[in-house]
Protein backbone atom coordinates (compact mmCIF):
# COMPACT_ATOMS: atom_id res chain seq x y z
CA MET A 1 0.36 -0.09 -0.15
CA THR A 2 1.31 3.75 -1.09
CA THR A 3 -0.18 7.12 0.57
CA ALA A 4 0.65 10.56 -1.26
CA ALA A 5 -0.91 13.21 0.12
CA THR A 6 -1.42 16.85 -2.03
CA THR A 7 -3.15 19.71 -1.81
CA GLN A 8 -5.79 20.80 -4.40
CA ASP A 9 -8.08 24.36 -4.27
CA GLY A 10 -6.91 24.45 -0.18
CA VAL A 11 -8.17 20.72 0.05
CA THR A 12 -5.75 17.98 1.27
CA VAL A 13 -5.97 14.89 -0.55
CA LEU A 14 -4.56 11.82 0.97
CA THR A 15 -4.30 9.24 -2.13
CA VAL A 16 -4.45 5.80 -1.21
CA ALA A 17 -3.42 2.78 -3.20
CA GLY A 18 -3.17 -1.09 -2.99
CA GLU A 19 -4.57 -3.28 -0.27
CA VAL A 20 -5.49 -1.65 3.36
CA ASP A 21 -5.43 -4.76 5.48
CA LEU A 22 -4.56 -5.83 9.05
CA ALA A 23 -0.42 -5.50 7.75
CA THR A 24 -0.82 -2.02 6.12
CA ALA A 25 -3.37 -0.17 8.12
CA PRO A 26 -0.68 1.23 10.76
CA ALA A 27 0.69 2.83 7.60
CA LEU A 28 -2.74 4.18 6.61
CA GLU A 29 -2.83 5.50 10.32
CA THR A 30 0.42 6.88 10.08
CA ALA A 31 -0.21 8.82 7.02
CA LEU A 32 -3.76 10.37 8.29
CA GLU A 33 -2.17 11.76 11.27
CA SER A 34 0.46 13.66 9.54
CA VAL A 35 -1.70 14.84 7.15
CA LEU A 36 -4.55 15.31 10.10
CA ALA A 37 -1.47 17.37 12.57
CA ALA A 38 -1.32 20.26 9.69
CA LYS A 39 -5.03 20.73 10.49
CA PRO A 40 -6.55 21.58 7.13
CA GLU A 41 -10.12 22.81 6.52
CA ALA A 42 -10.96 19.80 4.63
CA LEU A 43 -9.56 16.19 3.99
CA VAL A 44 -10.35 14.19 1.12
CA ILE A 45 -9.42 10.39 1.60
CA ASP A 46 -9.19 8.74 -1.88
CA LEU A 47 -9.56 4.91 -2.11
CA THR A 48 -10.22 4.91 -6.08
CA ALA A 49 -6.87 2.88 -6.15
CA VAL A 50 -7.27 0.59 -3.18
CA GLY A 51 -8.35 -2.98 -4.29
CA PHE A 52 -8.59 -4.52 -0.70
CA LEU A 53 -10.36 -2.54 1.79
CA ALA A 54 -10.51 -4.87 5.09
CA SER A 55 -12.08 -3.89 8.61
CA ALA A 56 -8.77 -2.59 10.08
CA GLY A 57 -8.66 -0.20 7.01
CA MET A 58 -11.99 0.64 7.67
CA ALA A 59 -11.57 1.05 11.64
CA THR A 60 -8.60 3.15 10.55
CA LEU A 61 -10.73 5.90 8.80
CA VAL A 62 -13.31 5.96 11.27
CA ALA A 63 -10.67 6.68 13.90
CA ALA A 64 -9.73 9.13 11.73
CA HIS A 65 -12.87 10.87 11.45
CA GLN A 66 -13.07 10.98 15.07
CA ARG A 67 -9.71 12.48 15.12
CA ALA A 68 -10.46 15.27 12.77
CA GLY A 69 -11.81 17.79 14.68
CA ASP A 70 -12.78 20.47 12.63
CA THR A 71 -11.35 19.46 9.81
CA THR A 72 -14.04 17.96 7.07
CA VAL A 73 -13.52 14.24 5.99
CA ALA A 74 -14.79 12.84 2.94
CA VAL A 75 -14.04 9.95 1.25
CA VAL A 76 -14.01 8.84 -2.28
CA ALA A 77 -14.74 5.00 -3.09
CA ASP A 78 -16.33 3.25 -5.93
CA GLY A 79 -17.01 -0.27 -6.85
CA PRO A 80 -17.06 -3.52 -5.11
CA ALA A 81 -13.26 -3.41 -3.50
CA THR A 82 -14.01 0.16 -1.38
CA SER A 83 -17.72 1.73 -1.61
CA ARG A 84 -19.34 -1.44 -1.51
CA GLN A 85 -18.15 -2.41 1.74
CA LEU A 86 -18.53 1.13 3.48
CA LYS A 87 -22.09 1.14 2.42
CA LEU A 88 -22.59 -2.50 3.92
CA THR A 89 -21.24 -1.14 7.32
CA SER A 90 -23.44 1.89 7.25
CA LEU A 91 -19.92 4.22 7.19
CA ASP A 92 -21.50 6.05 4.61
CA GLN A 93 -23.15 7.54 7.38
CA VAL A 94 -20.44 8.43 9.05
CA PHE A 95 -18.24 10.15 7.11
CA SER A 96 -19.35 11.97 3.26
CA LEU A 97 -18.96 9.26 0.73
CA TYR A 98 -18.22 10.07 -2.93
CA THR A 99 -17.65 8.04 -6.35
CA THR A 100 -14.85 10.41 -8.18
CA LEU A 101 -12.60 13.04 -6.58
CA ASP A 102 -13.98 15.54 -8.56
CA ALA A 103 -17.16 15.20 -6.86
CA ALA A 104 -15.75 15.75 -3.18
CA LEU A 105 -13.58 18.63 -4.31
CA THR A 106 -16.61 19.95 -5.74
CA ALA A 107 -18.83 19.49 -2.70
CA LEU A 108 -16.10 20.38 -0.42
CA ARG A 109 -15.49 23.90 -1.96
CA ALA A 110 -19.45 24.43 -1.94
CA ARG A 111 -19.37 24.37 1.79
């Protein structure tokens, strides 16, 4: 699993690629902590390139959302490997879920 943080139009985007499971969730947690330490106004976690999202990864996303404080958190997930799990576990009710990065950025800019 790899992560990369960028800023697009004032929104921090953490792009995640690969498999997020018990072995890689700690690396995701570290990346999220680093991004949140800068206290961005908004954070998009882009899971578009994630091929597998285990419960450990979902728990890491929830924990980051809880630690975010005033930072608005959105997740980009589309397809059976990510969005399906998030919807089945009702995590789409915890944070805003979008099917594309552009949709997430547009929604966050409108706030």
